Amino acid sequence: YLGGVLLATWLARRFLDKRLVRELGFQRPPGWWGEMLFGVALGGVLMLGIFALETGLGWVRVTGFAWQGGSLPNVAGLTALAFWTFVVVGINEELVTRGYLMQTLAEGLGLTWAVLISSALFGLLHLANPNASWISTFNIAVAGVFLALGYVVTRRLWLPIGLHFSWNFFQGTVFGFPVSGTEGYTLIRLAETGPDLATGGAFGPEAGLTGLAAILIG
């Protein structure tokens, strides 16, 4: 999956655009890793805020933990697999959406229109996910603008990649929420009791007011 996206992007840049893939935002000046770590920290803090708010209001209840009744090596292995999965998702989606698509559109339409169009498409691409709705599609489009601002500020993709990864990883693997309608391995097991309009229901916080608030704060 990651290899296919990288190959397709390389072919398009090499034979259509006559440019290098790293010019899409993979330059590594001094401190580039700090941009990525800032994105990782920001995504984690925002998702912690959603978890703390919904738990405090009684909208979600912790019912257990992955290490209860499971071996530590198994927990570590499944957590590492989830970690790598979300790394791949972050790189793939940022390379395609905030990388090739948005930056190519910007050359013809300007950066503002490129951000808006690529973010709208980013939302629509998630419309086929399980339990998706027009509310979730709108919120994810807003999240697309949020991620795009990481590129606009730095002119590199490290910050949005770090943010995209950590938002998904903390949302699903750490805190136990659905990630864009999909269920996966979680360290914390939750039972939801709050209103779907606020929590996002089976789609996860990205379809709820708590998710939208976190995106806007971010």
N, C-alpha and C. Protein backbone atom coordinates (compact mmCIF):
# COMPACT_ATOMS: atom_id res chain seq x y z
N TYR A 1 0.84 -1.21 0.00
CA TYR A 1 0.00 0.00 0.00
C TYR A 1 0.87 1.25 0.00
N LEU A 2 1.76 1.37 0.98
CA LEU A 2 2.65 2.52 1.03
C LEU A 2 3.58 2.53 -0.19
N GLY A 3 4.09 1.37 -0.54
CA GLY A 3 4.97 1.29 -1.70
C GLY A 3 4.28 1.71 -2.98
N GLY A 4 3.01 1.32 -3.14
CA GLY A 4 2.26 1.70 -4.34
C GLY A 4 2.04 3.19 -4.45
N VAL A 5 1.71 3.83 -3.32
CA VAL A 5 1.51 5.28 -3.32
C VAL A 5 2.81 6.00 -3.63
N LEU A 6 3.90 5.55 -3.02
CA LEU A 6 5.20 6.18 -3.27
C LEU A 6 5.62 6.02 -4.73
N LEU A 7 5.40 4.82 -5.27
CA LEU A 7 5.77 4.58 -6.66
C LEU A 7 4.95 5.44 -7.62
N ALA A 8 3.63 5.50 -7.38
CA ALA A 8 2.77 6.30 -8.25
C ALA A 8 3.15 7.77 -8.19
N THR A 9 3.45 8.25 -7.00
CA THR A 9 3.84 9.66 -6.85
C THR A 9 5.17 9.92 -7.55
N TRP A 10 6.12 9.00 -7.39
CA TRP A 10 7.42 9.16 -8.05
C TRP A 10 7.28 9.18 -9.56
N LEU A 11 6.45 8.30 -10.09
CA LEU A 11 6.25 8.24 -11.54
C LEU A 11 5.63 9.54 -12.06
N ALA A 12 4.62 10.04 -11.32
CA ALA A 12 3.96 11.28 -11.75
C ALA A 12 4.93 12.46 -11.69
N ARG A 13 5.70 12.53 -10.62
CA ARG A 13 6.66 13.63 -10.49
C ARG A 13 7.78 13.51 -11.52
N ARG A 14 8.25 12.30 -11.76
CA ARG A 14 9.40 12.10 -12.65
C ARG A 14 9.04 12.33 -14.12
N PHE A 15 7.89 11.79 -14.56
CA PHE A 15 7.60 11.78 -15.98
C PHE A 15 6.56 12.82 -16.41
N LEU A 16 5.72 13.29 -15.47
CA LEU A 16 4.73 14.32 -15.82
C LEU A 16 5.20 15.71 -15.40
N ASP A 17 5.66 15.82 -14.15
CA ASP A 17 6.02 17.13 -13.62
C ASP A 17 7.49 17.47 -13.79
N LYS A 18 8.32 16.45 -14.05
CA LYS A 18 9.77 16.65 -14.18
C LYS A 18 10.36 17.28 -12.92
N ARG A 19 9.90 16.79 -11.75
CA ARG A 19 10.37 17.33 -10.48
C ARG A 19 10.64 16.18 -9.52
N LEU A 20 11.19 16.53 -8.35
CA LEU A 20 11.52 15.53 -7.35
C LEU A 20 10.39 15.38 -6.33
N VAL A 21 10.20 14.17 -5.82
CA VAL A 21 9.16 13.93 -4.81
C VAL A 21 9.43 14.74 -3.55
N ARG A 22 10.71 14.87 -3.16
CA ARG A 22 11.00 15.57 -1.91
C ARG A 22 10.58 17.04 -1.94
N GLU A 23 10.42 17.60 -3.15
CA GLU A 23 9.98 19.00 -3.26
C GLU A 23 8.52 19.18 -2.88
N LEU A 24 7.79 18.09 -2.69
CA LEU A 24 6.40 18.18 -2.24
C LEU A 24 6.30 18.51 -0.75
N GLY A 25 7.42 18.51 -0.05
CA GLY A 25 7.40 18.85 1.37
C GLY A 25 8.22 17.93 2.24
N PHE A 26 9.16 17.20 1.62
CA PHE A 26 10.01 16.28 2.37
C PHE A 26 11.44 16.79 2.53
N GLN A 27 11.62 18.10 2.39
CA GLN A 27 12.93 18.68 2.64
C GLN A 27 13.27 18.51 4.13
N ARG A 28 14.55 18.40 4.43
CA ARG A 28 14.96 18.16 5.81
C ARG A 28 15.99 19.20 6.27
N PRO A 29 15.55 20.44 6.46
CA PRO A 29 16.45 21.45 7.02
C PRO A 29 16.64 21.19 8.51
N PRO A 30 17.57 21.88 9.15
CA PRO A 30 17.73 21.71 10.60
C PRO A 30 16.41 21.95 11.34
N GLY A 31 16.06 21.01 12.21
CA GLY A 31 14.84 21.15 12.99
C GLY A 31 13.59 20.57 12.36
N TRP A 32 13.73 19.90 11.21
CA TRP A 32 12.54 19.36 10.55
C TRP A 32 11.83 18.34 11.45
N TRP A 33 12.61 17.59 12.21
CA TRP A 33 12.02 16.58 13.10
C TRP A 33 11.18 17.24 14.19
N GLY A 34 11.55 18.48 14.57
CA GLY A 34 10.77 19.19 15.57
C GLY A 34 9.36 19.50 15.07
N GLU A 35 9.23 19.77 13.77
CA GLU A 35 7.91 20.00 13.18
C GLU A 35 7.04 18.75 13.31
N MET A 36 7.65 17.59 13.03
CA MET A 36 6.90 16.34 13.14
C MET A 36 6.50 16.07 14.58
N LEU A 37 7.44 16.26 15.50
CA LEU A 37 7.14 16.01 16.91
C LEU A 37 6.07 16.95 17.44
N PHE A 38 6.08 18.20 16.95
CA PHE A 38 5.02 19.13 17.35
C PHE A 38 3.67 18.62 16.88
N GLY A 39 3.60 18.13 15.64
CA GLY A 39 2.36 17.56 15.12
C GLY A 39 1.90 16.37 15.94
N VAL A 40 2.84 15.49 16.29
CA VAL A 40 2.51 14.32 17.10
C VAL A 40 1.94 14.75 18.45
N ALA A 41 2.61 15.71 19.09
CA ALA A 41 2.17 16.18 20.41
C ALA A 41 0.80 16.85 20.32
N LEU A 42 0.59 17.65 19.29
CA LEU A 42 -0.68 18.37 19.15
C LEU A 42 -1.83 17.39 18.99
N GLY A 43 -1.67 16.39 18.13
CA GLY A 43 -2.74 15.41 17.93
C GLY A 43 -3.05 14.65 19.21
N GLY A 44 -2.01 14.27 19.95
CA GLY A 44 -2.22 13.54 21.19
C GLY A 44 -2.92 14.37 22.24
N VAL A 45 -2.53 15.63 22.38
CA VAL A 45 -3.15 16.51 23.39
C VAL A 45 -4.62 16.77 23.05
N LEU A 46 -4.92 17.00 21.78
CA LEU A 46 -6.31 17.25 21.39
C LEU A 46 -7.19 16.03 21.64
N MET A 47 -6.67 14.84 21.33
CA MET A 47 -7.47 13.65 21.56
C MET A 47 -7.61 13.36 23.05
N LEU A 48 -6.58 13.66 23.83
CA LEU A 48 -6.69 13.54 25.29
C LEU A 48 -7.79 14.46 25.81
N GLY A 49 -7.88 15.66 25.25
CA GLY A 49 -8.93 16.60 25.65
C GLY A 49 -10.32 16.04 25.36
N ILE A 50 -10.49 15.42 24.20
CA ILE A 50 -11.80 14.82 23.86
C ILE A 50 -12.13 13.70 24.85
N PHE A 51 -11.14 12.84 25.10
CA PHE A 51 -11.37 11.72 26.03
C PHE A 51 -11.71 12.23 27.43
N ALA A 52 -10.96 13.21 27.92
CA ALA A 52 -11.21 13.74 29.26
C ALA A 52 -12.59 14.39 29.35
N LEU A 53 -12.97 15.16 28.33
CA LEU A 53 -14.27 15.83 28.34
C LEU A 53 -15.40 14.82 28.33
N GLU A 54 -15.35 13.86 27.42
CA GLU A 54 -16.46 12.90 27.30
C GLU A 54 -16.54 11.99 28.52
N THR A 55 -15.39 11.65 29.10
CA THR A 55 -15.39 10.84 30.32
C THR A 55 -15.95 11.64 31.50
N GLY A 56 -15.52 12.90 31.60
CA GLY A 56 -16.00 13.75 32.69
C GLY A 56 -17.50 14.00 32.64
N LEU A 57 -18.04 14.08 31.42
CA LEU A 57 -19.48 14.32 31.26
C LEU A 57 -20.29 13.02 31.32
N GLY A 58 -19.61 11.90 31.44
CA GLY A 58 -20.30 10.62 31.51
C GLY A 58 -20.77 10.10 30.17
N TRP A 59 -20.23 10.62 29.08
CA TRP A 59 -20.64 10.20 27.74
C TRP A 59 -19.95 8.92 27.31
N VAL A 60 -18.78 8.63 27.89
CA VAL A 60 -18.12 7.36 27.66
C VAL A 60 -17.66 6.80 29.01
N ARG A 61 -17.60 5.49 29.08
CA ARG A 61 -17.21 4.83 30.31
C ARG A 61 -16.14 3.79 30.00
N VAL A 62 -15.07 3.80 30.77
CA VAL A 62 -14.00 2.81 30.59
C VAL A 62 -14.47 1.48 31.16
N THR A 63 -14.43 0.43 30.32
CA THR A 63 -14.89 -0.90 30.75
C THR A 63 -13.75 -1.89 30.94
N GLY A 64 -12.54 -1.53 30.51
CA GLY A 64 -11.43 -2.45 30.68
C GLY A 64 -10.19 -1.98 29.94
N PHE A 65 -9.16 -2.77 30.03
CA PHE A 65 -7.88 -2.44 29.40
C PHE A 65 -7.34 -3.67 28.67
N ALA A 66 -6.54 -3.44 27.64
CA ALA A 66 -6.05 -4.52 26.80
C ALA A 66 -5.20 -5.51 27.57
N TRP A 67 -4.47 -5.04 28.57
CA TRP A 67 -3.55 -5.92 29.30
C TRP A 67 -4.24 -6.77 30.35
N GLN A 68 -5.53 -6.59 30.52
CA GLN A 68 -6.27 -7.43 31.46
C GLN A 68 -6.60 -8.76 30.76
N GLY A 69 -6.00 -9.81 31.22
CA GLY A 69 -6.23 -11.12 30.62
C GLY A 69 -5.41 -11.38 29.38
N GLY A 70 -4.48 -10.49 29.05
CA GLY A 70 -3.63 -10.68 27.88
C GLY A 70 -2.17 -10.58 28.26
N SER A 71 -1.31 -11.26 27.52
CA SER A 71 0.11 -11.24 27.82
C SER A 71 0.73 -9.92 27.36
N LEU A 72 1.75 -9.50 28.06
CA LEU A 72 2.42 -8.25 27.73
C LEU A 72 3.03 -8.28 26.32
N PRO A 73 3.69 -9.37 25.90
CA PRO A 73 4.21 -9.41 24.52
C PRO A 73 3.13 -9.27 23.46
N ASN A 74 1.97 -9.86 23.71
CA ASN A 74 0.88 -9.75 22.75
C ASN A 74 0.37 -8.32 22.66
N VAL A 75 0.22 -7.68 23.82
CA VAL A 75 -0.21 -6.28 23.85
C VAL A 75 0.79 -5.39 23.12
N ALA A 76 2.08 -5.61 23.40
CA ALA A 76 3.12 -4.81 22.77
C ALA A 76 3.14 -5.02 21.26
N GLY A 77 2.99 -6.26 20.82
CA GLY A 77 3.02 -6.56 19.40
C GLY A 77 1.85 -5.94 18.66
N LEU A 78 0.65 -6.06 19.20
CA LEU A 78 -0.53 -5.50 18.55
C LEU A 78 -0.50 -3.97 18.56
N THR A 79 0.03 -3.39 19.64
CA THR A 79 0.17 -1.94 19.70
C THR A 79 1.16 -1.45 18.66
N ALA A 80 2.27 -2.16 18.51
CA ALA A 80 3.27 -1.79 17.51
C ALA A 80 2.69 -1.90 16.09
N LEU A 81 1.89 -2.93 15.84
CA LEU A 81 1.26 -3.09 14.53
C LEU A 81 0.30 -1.94 14.25
N ALA A 82 -0.49 -1.55 15.25
CA ALA A 82 -1.40 -0.42 15.08
C ALA A 82 -0.62 0.87 14.86
N PHE A 83 0.46 1.03 15.60
CA PHE A 83 1.33 2.20 15.45
C PHE A 83 1.82 2.31 14.01
N TRP A 84 2.35 1.22 13.46
CA TRP A 84 2.87 1.23 12.10
C TRP A 84 1.75 1.48 11.08
N THR A 85 0.58 0.89 11.33
CA THR A 85 -0.55 1.09 10.42
C THR A 85 -0.91 2.57 10.31
N PHE A 86 -0.96 3.26 11.43
CA PHE A 86 -1.33 4.67 11.39
C PHE A 86 -0.20 5.55 10.86
N VAL A 87 1.05 5.10 11.01
CA VAL A 87 2.16 5.80 10.36
C VAL A 87 1.98 5.75 8.85
N VAL A 88 1.66 4.56 8.33
CA VAL A 88 1.46 4.38 6.90
C VAL A 88 0.28 5.22 6.41
N VAL A 89 -0.82 5.21 7.15
CA VAL A 89 -1.99 6.00 6.77
C VAL A 89 -1.64 7.48 6.74
N GLY A 90 -0.92 7.95 7.74
CA GLY A 90 -0.55 9.36 7.80
C GLY A 90 0.31 9.78 6.62
N ILE A 91 1.31 8.96 6.30
CA ILE A 91 2.18 9.29 5.17
C ILE A 91 1.41 9.24 3.86
N ASN A 92 0.64 8.18 3.65
CA ASN A 92 -0.10 8.02 2.40
C ASN A 92 -1.07 9.18 2.15
N GLU A 93 -1.90 9.46 3.14
CA GLU A 93 -2.95 10.46 2.93
C GLU A 93 -2.39 11.88 2.84
N GLU A 94 -1.32 12.15 3.57
CA GLU A 94 -0.72 13.48 3.48
C GLU A 94 0.05 13.65 2.16
N LEU A 95 0.74 12.61 1.74
CA LEU A 95 1.46 12.68 0.47
C LEU A 95 0.50 12.92 -0.69
N VAL A 96 -0.62 12.21 -0.70
CA VAL A 96 -1.58 12.34 -1.79
C VAL A 96 -2.37 13.64 -1.70
N THR A 97 -2.91 13.94 -0.51
CA THR A 97 -3.86 15.06 -0.40
C THR A 97 -3.18 16.40 -0.20
N ARG A 98 -2.38 16.54 0.87
CA ARG A 98 -1.69 17.81 1.11
C ARG A 98 -0.40 17.91 0.30
N GLY A 99 0.05 16.79 -0.22
CA GLY A 99 1.24 16.80 -1.05
C GLY A 99 0.90 17.02 -2.52
N TYR A 100 0.71 15.94 -3.24
CA TYR A 100 0.57 16.05 -4.70
C TYR A 100 -0.67 16.84 -5.12
N LEU A 101 -1.84 16.48 -4.57
CA LEU A 101 -3.09 17.10 -5.02
C LEU A 101 -3.13 18.60 -4.70
N MET A 102 -2.95 18.94 -3.45
CA MET A 102 -3.08 20.34 -3.05
C MET A 102 -2.03 21.22 -3.71
N GLN A 103 -0.80 20.75 -3.76
CA GLN A 103 0.26 21.58 -4.30
C GLN A 103 0.17 21.72 -5.82
N THR A 104 -0.35 20.69 -6.49
CA THR A 104 -0.56 20.79 -7.93
C THR A 104 -1.69 21.77 -8.23
N LEU A 105 -2.78 21.69 -7.47
CA LEU A 105 -3.88 22.63 -7.63
C LEU A 105 -3.43 24.06 -7.36
N ALA A 106 -2.55 24.23 -6.38
CA ALA A 106 -2.10 25.58 -6.01
C ALA A 106 -1.37 26.27 -7.16
N GLU A 107 -0.71 25.49 -8.00
CA GLU A 107 0.03 26.10 -9.11
C GLU A 107 -0.91 26.74 -10.13
N GLY A 108 -2.12 26.21 -10.24
CA GLY A 108 -3.05 26.78 -11.21
C GLY A 108 -4.13 27.67 -10.61
N LEU A 109 -4.53 27.38 -9.38
CA LEU A 109 -5.67 28.07 -8.79
C LEU A 109 -5.30 28.96 -7.60
N GLY A 110 -4.08 28.83 -7.10
CA GLY A 110 -3.69 29.56 -5.90
C GLY A 110 -3.88 28.69 -4.67
N LEU A 111 -3.15 29.02 -3.62
CA LEU A 111 -3.11 28.16 -2.44
C LEU A 111 -4.46 28.09 -1.71
N THR A 112 -5.18 29.21 -1.63
CA THR A 112 -6.45 29.20 -0.89
C THR A 112 -7.44 28.22 -1.51
N TRP A 113 -7.64 28.31 -2.83
CA TRP A 113 -8.55 27.39 -3.50
C TRP A 113 -8.04 25.96 -3.42
N ALA A 114 -6.73 25.79 -3.49
CA ALA A 114 -6.17 24.45 -3.41
C ALA A 114 -6.45 23.80 -2.06
N VAL A 115 -6.32 24.58 -0.98
CA VAL A 115 -6.62 24.07 0.35
C VAL A 115 -8.08 23.68 0.46
N LEU A 116 -8.97 24.54 -0.02
CA LEU A 116 -10.41 24.28 0.09
C LEU A 116 -10.83 23.07 -0.74
N ILE A 117 -10.35 22.98 -1.96
CA ILE A 117 -10.75 21.87 -2.84
C ILE A 117 -10.19 20.55 -2.34
N SER A 118 -8.91 20.53 -1.99
CA SER A 118 -8.31 19.28 -1.51
C SER A 118 -8.94 18.84 -0.19
N SER A 119 -9.32 19.79 0.66
CA SER A 119 -9.94 19.44 1.93
C SER A 119 -11.35 18.89 1.71
N ALA A 120 -12.09 19.47 0.76
CA ALA A 120 -13.42 18.95 0.43
C ALA A 120 -13.32 17.52 -0.10
N LEU A 121 -12.35 17.27 -0.96
CA LEU A 121 -12.15 15.92 -1.49
C LEU A 121 -11.72 14.96 -0.38
N PHE A 122 -10.92 15.45 0.54
CA PHE A 122 -10.50 14.64 1.68
C PHE A 122 -11.71 14.19 2.49
N GLY A 123 -12.66 15.10 2.70
CA GLY A 123 -13.89 14.73 3.39
C GLY A 123 -14.71 13.72 2.61
N LEU A 124 -14.86 13.95 1.30
CA LEU A 124 -15.66 13.07 0.46
C LEU A 124 -15.06 11.67 0.37
N LEU A 125 -13.74 11.57 0.41
CA LEU A 125 -13.09 10.26 0.36
C LEU A 125 -13.44 9.38 1.56
N HIS A 126 -13.88 10.00 2.64
CA HIS A 126 -14.27 9.24 3.84
C HIS A 126 -15.77 8.98 3.90
N LEU A 127 -16.50 9.41 2.88
CA LEU A 127 -17.95 9.24 2.90
C LEU A 127 -18.35 7.77 2.78
N ALA A 128 -17.48 6.96 2.19
CA ALA A 128 -17.79 5.53 2.03
C ALA A 128 -17.42 4.72 3.27
N ASN A 129 -16.83 5.35 4.27
CA ASN A 129 -16.46 4.62 5.49
C ASN A 129 -17.69 4.14 6.23
N PRO A 130 -17.57 3.08 7.03
CA PRO A 130 -18.71 2.62 7.83
C PRO A 130 -19.24 3.73 8.74
N ASN A 131 -20.57 3.82 8.80
CA ASN A 131 -21.27 4.78 9.68
C ASN A 131 -21.00 6.24 9.33
N ALA A 132 -20.53 6.51 8.11
CA ALA A 132 -20.28 7.89 7.70
C ALA A 132 -21.59 8.63 7.49
N SER A 133 -21.53 9.94 7.59
CA SER A 133 -22.68 10.81 7.39
C SER A 133 -22.17 12.11 6.79
N TRP A 134 -23.11 12.98 6.43
CA TRP A 134 -22.69 14.27 5.90
C TRP A 134 -22.04 15.13 7.00
N ILE A 135 -22.41 14.87 8.27
CA ILE A 135 -21.76 15.58 9.36
C ILE A 135 -20.29 15.15 9.47
N SER A 136 -20.06 13.84 9.41
CA SER A 136 -18.67 13.36 9.48
C SER A 136 -17.88 13.85 8.28
N THR A 137 -18.51 13.90 7.11
CA THR A 137 -17.82 14.37 5.90
C THR A 137 -17.43 15.83 6.04
N PHE A 138 -18.33 16.65 6.57
CA PHE A 138 -18.03 18.07 6.79
C PHE A 138 -16.89 18.23 7.79
N ASN A 139 -16.97 17.50 8.91
CA ASN A 139 -15.94 17.62 9.94
C ASN A 139 -14.57 17.20 9.42
N ILE A 140 -14.53 16.14 8.61
CA ILE A 140 -13.24 15.68 8.07
C ILE A 140 -12.72 16.67 7.04
N ALA A 141 -13.62 17.33 6.31
CA ALA A 141 -13.16 18.38 5.40
C ALA A 141 -12.54 19.53 6.18
N VAL A 142 -13.13 19.89 7.33
CA VAL A 142 -12.54 20.91 8.19
C VAL A 142 -11.19 20.43 8.72
N ALA A 143 -11.11 19.14 9.06
CA ALA A 143 -9.84 18.57 9.49
C ALA A 143 -8.80 18.67 8.38
N GLY A 144 -9.26 18.56 7.12
CA GLY A 144 -8.35 18.71 6.00
C GLY A 144 -7.73 20.10 5.95
N VAL A 145 -8.54 21.12 6.25
CA VAL A 145 -8.01 22.49 6.33
C VAL A 145 -7.00 22.59 7.47
N PHE A 146 -7.33 21.99 8.60
CA PHE A 146 -6.44 21.97 9.76
C PHE A 146 -5.08 21.37 9.40
N LEU A 147 -5.12 20.23 8.73
CA LEU A 147 -3.87 19.57 8.32
C LEU A 147 -3.13 20.40 7.28
N ALA A 148 -3.88 21.03 6.38
CA ALA A 148 -3.25 21.84 5.33
C ALA A 148 -2.51 23.03 5.92
N LEU A 149 -3.01 23.58 7.02
CA LEU A 149 -2.36 24.72 7.64
C LEU A 149 -0.96 24.36 8.14
N GLY A 150 -0.77 23.08 8.51
CA GLY A 150 0.56 22.64 8.90
C GLY A 150 1.55 22.79 7.76
N TYR A 151 1.08 22.50 6.55
CA TYR A 151 1.95 22.70 5.38
C TYR A 151 2.11 24.18 5.06
N VAL A 152 1.03 24.94 5.14
CA VAL A 152 1.08 26.37 4.81
C VAL A 152 2.08 27.09 5.70
N VAL A 153 2.12 26.73 6.98
CA VAL A 153 3.00 27.40 7.93
C VAL A 153 4.47 27.01 7.71
N THR A 154 4.71 25.73 7.43
CA THR A 154 6.09 25.24 7.37
C THR A 154 6.60 25.02 5.95
N ARG A 155 5.66 24.88 4.98
CA ARG A 155 5.99 24.51 3.59
C ARG A 155 6.63 23.13 3.52
N ARG A 156 6.32 22.31 4.50
CA ARG A 156 6.75 20.92 4.52
C ARG A 156 5.62 20.05 5.05
N LEU A 157 5.72 18.74 4.83
CA LEU A 157 4.66 17.81 5.23
C LEU A 157 4.91 17.14 6.57
N TRP A 158 6.04 17.43 7.21
CA TRP A 158 6.36 16.73 8.45
C TRP A 158 5.33 17.00 9.54
N LEU A 159 4.92 18.25 9.70
CA LEU A 159 3.94 18.58 10.75
C LEU A 159 2.59 17.89 10.48
N PRO A 160 2.00 18.03 9.29
CA PRO A 160 0.73 17.33 9.06
C PRO A 160 0.83 15.82 9.13
N ILE A 161 1.96 15.23 8.74
CA ILE A 161 2.11 13.78 8.87
C ILE A 161 2.10 13.39 10.35
N GLY A 162 2.86 14.10 11.18
CA GLY A 162 2.88 13.81 12.60
C GLY A 162 1.51 13.99 13.24
N LEU A 163 0.82 15.05 12.87
CA LEU A 163 -0.52 15.32 13.41
C LEU A 163 -1.51 14.26 12.97
N HIS A 164 -1.49 13.92 11.71
CA HIS A 164 -2.43 12.91 11.16
C HIS A 164 -2.22 11.57 11.86
N PHE A 165 -0.96 11.17 11.99
CA PHE A 165 -0.66 9.91 12.67
C PHE A 165 -1.16 9.90 14.11
N SER A 166 -0.80 10.92 14.87
CA SER A 166 -1.10 10.89 16.30
C SER A 166 -2.59 11.05 16.57
N TRP A 167 -3.28 11.84 15.75
CA TRP A 167 -4.74 11.97 15.91
C TRP A 167 -5.39 10.60 15.81
N ASN A 168 -5.03 9.84 14.77
CA ASN A 168 -5.61 8.51 14.58
C ASN A 168 -5.15 7.52 15.65
N PHE A 169 -3.85 7.53 15.94
CA PHE A 169 -3.31 6.55 16.89
C PHE A 169 -3.88 6.75 18.29
N PHE A 170 -3.91 7.97 18.77
CA PHE A 170 -4.46 8.22 20.11
C PHE A 170 -5.98 8.05 20.13
N GLN A 171 -6.62 8.43 19.04
CA GLN A 171 -8.07 8.27 18.96
C GLN A 171 -8.47 6.80 19.06
N GLY A 172 -7.81 5.95 18.27
CA GLY A 172 -8.21 4.55 18.21
C GLY A 172 -7.44 3.66 19.17
N THR A 173 -6.14 3.55 18.99
CA THR A 173 -5.35 2.57 19.74
C THR A 173 -5.26 2.92 21.22
N VAL A 174 -5.05 4.19 21.53
CA VAL A 174 -4.84 4.57 22.94
C VAL A 174 -6.17 4.73 23.68
N PHE A 175 -7.07 5.56 23.14
CA PHE A 175 -8.27 5.92 23.90
C PHE A 175 -9.51 5.10 23.53
N GLY A 176 -9.43 4.28 22.50
CA GLY A 176 -10.50 3.32 22.25
C GLY A 176 -11.69 3.83 21.46
N PHE A 177 -11.58 4.99 20.80
CA PHE A 177 -12.67 5.47 19.96
C PHE A 177 -12.60 4.83 18.58
N PRO A 178 -13.72 4.76 17.86
CA PRO A 178 -13.64 4.40 16.44
C PRO A 178 -12.86 5.46 15.68
N VAL A 179 -12.17 5.05 14.64
CA VAL A 179 -11.39 5.96 13.81
C VAL A 179 -12.05 6.04 12.44
N SER A 180 -12.74 7.13 12.19
CA SER A 180 -13.45 7.32 10.92
C SER A 180 -14.34 6.13 10.60
N GLY A 181 -15.04 5.63 11.61
CA GLY A 181 -16.00 4.56 11.42
C GLY A 181 -15.43 3.16 11.51
N THR A 182 -14.13 3.03 11.67
CA THR A 182 -13.51 1.70 11.72
C THR A 182 -13.07 1.36 13.14
N GLU A 183 -13.18 0.09 13.47
CA GLU A 183 -12.76 -0.41 14.78
C GLU A 183 -11.42 -1.13 14.63
N GLY A 184 -10.57 -1.01 15.63
CA GLY A 184 -9.29 -1.69 15.61
C GLY A 184 -8.85 -2.05 17.01
N TYR A 185 -7.59 -2.40 17.15
CA TYR A 185 -7.05 -2.78 18.45
C TYR A 185 -6.97 -1.55 19.35
N THR A 186 -7.42 -1.69 20.60
CA THR A 186 -7.44 -0.55 21.52
C THR A 186 -6.84 -0.96 22.87
N LEU A 187 -6.12 -0.03 23.48
CA LEU A 187 -5.58 -0.25 24.81
C LEU A 187 -6.63 0.00 25.89
N ILE A 188 -7.52 0.96 25.63
CA ILE A 188 -8.61 1.26 26.54
C ILE A 188 -9.92 0.84 25.89
N ARG A 189 -10.75 0.13 26.62
CA ARG A 189 -12.04 -0.30 26.09
C ARG A 189 -13.14 0.58 26.67
N LEU A 190 -13.97 1.09 25.76
CA LEU A 190 -14.98 2.08 26.15
C LEU A 190 -16.39 1.58 25.88
N ALA A 191 -17.33 2.13 26.62
CA ALA A 191 -18.76 1.99 26.34
C ALA A 191 -19.31 3.40 26.19
N GLU A 192 -19.94 3.68 25.06
CA GLU A 192 -20.46 5.03 24.82
C GLU A 192 -21.91 5.14 25.29
N THR A 193 -22.20 6.22 26.01
CA THR A 193 -23.57 6.46 26.48
C THR A 193 -24.06 7.86 26.13
N GLY A 194 -23.20 8.68 25.57
CA GLY A 194 -23.55 10.07 25.29
C GLY A 194 -24.27 10.23 23.97
N PRO A 195 -24.76 11.45 23.70
CA PRO A 195 -25.49 11.72 22.45
C PRO A 195 -24.55 11.66 21.25
N ASP A 196 -25.02 11.01 20.18
CA ASP A 196 -24.20 10.86 18.99
C ASP A 196 -23.80 12.21 18.38
N LEU A 197 -24.66 13.20 18.51
CA LEU A 197 -24.35 14.52 17.96
C LEU A 197 -23.08 15.08 18.59
N ALA A 198 -22.87 14.78 19.86
CA ALA A 198 -21.69 15.27 20.56
C ALA A 198 -20.50 14.35 20.39
N THR A 199 -20.71 13.03 20.53
CA THR A 199 -19.60 12.09 20.54
C THR A 199 -19.22 11.57 19.16
N GLY A 200 -20.15 11.66 18.22
CA GLY A 200 -19.91 11.09 16.89
C GLY A 200 -20.40 9.67 16.75
N GLY A 201 -20.83 9.05 17.84
CA GLY A 201 -21.40 7.71 17.77
C GLY A 201 -20.43 6.69 17.22
N ALA A 202 -20.94 5.82 16.36
CA ALA A 202 -20.16 4.70 15.84
C ALA A 202 -19.06 5.14 14.88
N PHE A 203 -19.12 6.37 14.37
CA PHE A 203 -18.07 6.86 13.49
C PHE A 203 -16.87 7.35 14.27
N GLY A 204 -17.12 7.78 15.52
CA GLY A 204 -16.04 8.32 16.34
C GLY A 204 -16.13 9.83 16.47
N PRO A 205 -15.24 10.43 17.23
CA PRO A 205 -15.29 11.87 17.51
C PRO A 205 -15.30 12.76 16.27
N GLU A 206 -14.77 12.27 15.15
CA GLU A 206 -14.72 13.09 13.93
C GLU A 206 -16.11 13.40 13.39
N ALA A 207 -17.13 12.68 13.85
CA ALA A 207 -18.49 12.96 13.42
C ALA A 207 -19.29 13.69 14.49
N GLY A 208 -18.62 14.13 15.56
CA GLY A 208 -19.31 14.78 16.66
C GLY A 208 -18.84 16.19 16.91
N LEU A 209 -19.56 16.88 17.78
CA LEU A 209 -19.21 18.25 18.13
C LEU A 209 -17.89 18.32 18.90
N THR A 210 -17.59 17.27 19.68
CA THR A 210 -16.33 17.28 20.41
C THR A 210 -15.14 17.23 19.45
N GLY A 211 -15.27 16.41 18.41
CA GLY A 211 -14.20 16.34 17.42
C GLY A 211 -14.04 17.64 16.66
N LEU A 212 -15.16 18.23 16.26
CA LEU A 212 -15.11 19.50 15.54
C LEU A 212 -14.48 20.59 16.40
N ALA A 213 -14.85 20.63 17.69
CA ALA A 213 -14.27 21.62 18.61
C ALA A 213 -12.77 21.44 18.72
N ALA A 214 -12.31 20.19 18.82
CA ALA A 214 -10.87 19.93 18.93
C ALA A 214 -10.13 20.39 17.67
N ILE A 215 -10.74 20.14 16.51
CA ILE A 215 -10.13 20.56 15.25
C ILE A 215 -10.00 22.08 15.21
N LEU A 216 -11.06 22.78 15.58
CA LEU A 216 -11.05 24.23 15.56
C LEU A 216 -10.05 24.80 16.57
N ILE A 217 -9.99 24.21 17.75
CA ILE A 217 -8.99 24.65 18.73
C ILE A 217 -7.58 24.43 18.20
N GLY A 218 -7.38 23.25 17.61
CA GLY A 218 -6.06 22.94 17.05
C GLY A 218 -5.67 23.90 15.97
